[in-house]
Amino acid sequence: MQRVVITGMGCVSPYGVGIPALAEGLARGRTAIGPAPDPGDDAFAGTRVAPVAPPPPNPRVPAHGWASLDHCDRMAIWAADEAVR
């Protein structure tokens, strides 16, 4: 078994980008859960979600590269960037 050392944390959540945004949202007791946007399909009626808004472009990624990334990639880059700072 190998040992792992965690040297930083990064977060993209429904509260925003960064650990401070998450901590503030939790400390204030705000809920991030709400009704799902209406997709026009009754299969999702009543569904509750915690949507994460698209994060802004990361200054460490060239604009042409950022445009080619999907939502999950963008969130991962922001979280990793915060973790290594």
Protein backbone atom coordinates (compact mmCIF):
# COMPACT_ATOMS: atom_id res chain seq x y z
CA MET A 1 0.00 0.00 0.00
CA GLN A 2 1.33 3.43 -0.95
CA ARG A 3 1.04 6.49 1.20
CA VAL A 4 -0.53 9.67 -0.09
CA VAL A 5 0.13 13.19 1.14
CA ILE A 6 -2.49 15.83 0.49
CA THR A 7 -0.76 19.16 0.09
CA GLY A 8 -3.64 21.36 -1.00
CA MET A 9 -7.36 21.60 -1.57
CA GLY A 10 -9.40 23.00 -4.40
CA CYS A 11 -13.12 23.19 -4.95
CA VAL A 12 -15.72 24.13 -7.51
CA SER A 13 -19.19 23.84 -5.99
CA PRO A 14 -22.70 25.21 -6.36
CA TYR A 15 -21.50 28.04 -4.09
CA GLY A 16 -18.80 29.12 -6.57
CA VAL A 17 -15.12 28.61 -7.35
CA GLY A 18 -12.77 28.08 -4.41
CA ILE A 19 -12.68 26.86 -0.84
CA PRO A 20 -13.65 30.33 0.49
CA ALA A 21 -16.88 30.32 -1.58
CA LEU A 22 -17.76 26.84 -0.29
CA ALA A 23 -16.93 27.73 3.32
CA GLU A 24 -18.99 30.94 3.17
CA GLY A 25 -22.00 29.17 1.66
CA LEU A 26 -21.90 26.46 4.31
CA ALA A 27 -21.23 28.89 7.19
CA ARG A 28 -24.22 31.02 6.20
CA GLY A 29 -26.41 27.94 6.02
CA ARG A 30 -27.40 28.58 2.42
CA THR A 31 -28.75 25.62 0.54
CA ALA A 32 -27.34 24.84 -2.87
CA ILE A 33 -30.15 22.42 -3.67
CA GLY A 34 -33.20 23.47 -5.65
CA PRO A 35 -35.60 22.34 -8.32
CA ALA A 36 -34.07 21.13 -11.57
CA PRO A 37 -34.49 23.43 -14.54
CA ASP A 38 -37.47 22.28 -16.59
CA PRO A 39 -36.06 20.17 -19.43
CA GLY A 40 -39.55 19.78 -20.88
CA ASP A 41 -39.58 16.14 -19.86
CA ASP A 42 -41.94 14.85 -17.17
CA ALA A 43 -39.35 12.22 -16.19
CA PHE A 44 -37.48 14.95 -14.28
CA ALA A 45 -40.52 16.56 -12.65
CA GLY A 46 -39.84 17.17 -8.96
CA THR A 47 -36.12 16.43 -9.26
CA ARG A 48 -33.87 18.42 -6.91
CA VAL A 49 -30.34 19.36 -7.96
CA ALA A 50 -27.32 21.38 -6.86
CA PRO A 51 -26.20 22.92 -10.17
CA VAL A 52 -22.69 24.25 -10.62
CA ALA A 53 -22.46 27.31 -12.85
CA PRO A 54 -19.79 27.24 -15.55
CA PRO A 55 -16.57 28.57 -14.04
CA PRO A 56 -14.96 31.63 -15.66
CA PRO A 57 -11.93 31.12 -17.90
CA ASN A 58 -8.79 30.25 -15.97
CA PRO A 59 -5.95 32.69 -16.72
CA ARG A 60 -3.45 29.80 -16.77
CA VAL A 61 -5.18 28.21 -19.78
CA PRO A 62 -4.96 29.80 -23.24
CA ALA A 63 -8.34 30.99 -24.55
CA HIS A 64 -8.33 28.57 -27.49
CA GLY A 65 -7.63 25.69 -25.10
CA TRP A 66 -10.33 26.76 -22.65
CA ALA A 67 -12.93 26.87 -25.42
CA SER A 68 -12.28 23.22 -26.26
CA LEU A 69 -12.82 21.96 -22.69
CA ASP A 70 -16.09 20.63 -21.35
CA HIS A 71 -17.73 21.70 -18.08
CA CYS A 72 -16.12 18.91 -16.01
CA ASP A 73 -12.65 19.63 -17.38
CA ARG A 74 -13.03 23.31 -16.52
CA MET A 75 -14.10 22.55 -12.96
CA ALA A 76 -11.19 20.12 -12.53
CA ILE A 77 -8.69 22.72 -13.76
CA TRP A 78 -9.97 25.36 -11.33
CA ALA A 79 -9.92 22.92 -8.39
CA ALA A 80 -6.42 21.68 -9.24
CA ASP A 81 -5.18 25.25 -9.74
CA GLU A 82 -6.44 26.23 -6.30
CA ALA A 83 -4.93 23.11 -4.72
CA VAL A 84 -1.43 23.85 -5.98
CA ARG A 85 -1.44 27.54 -4.99
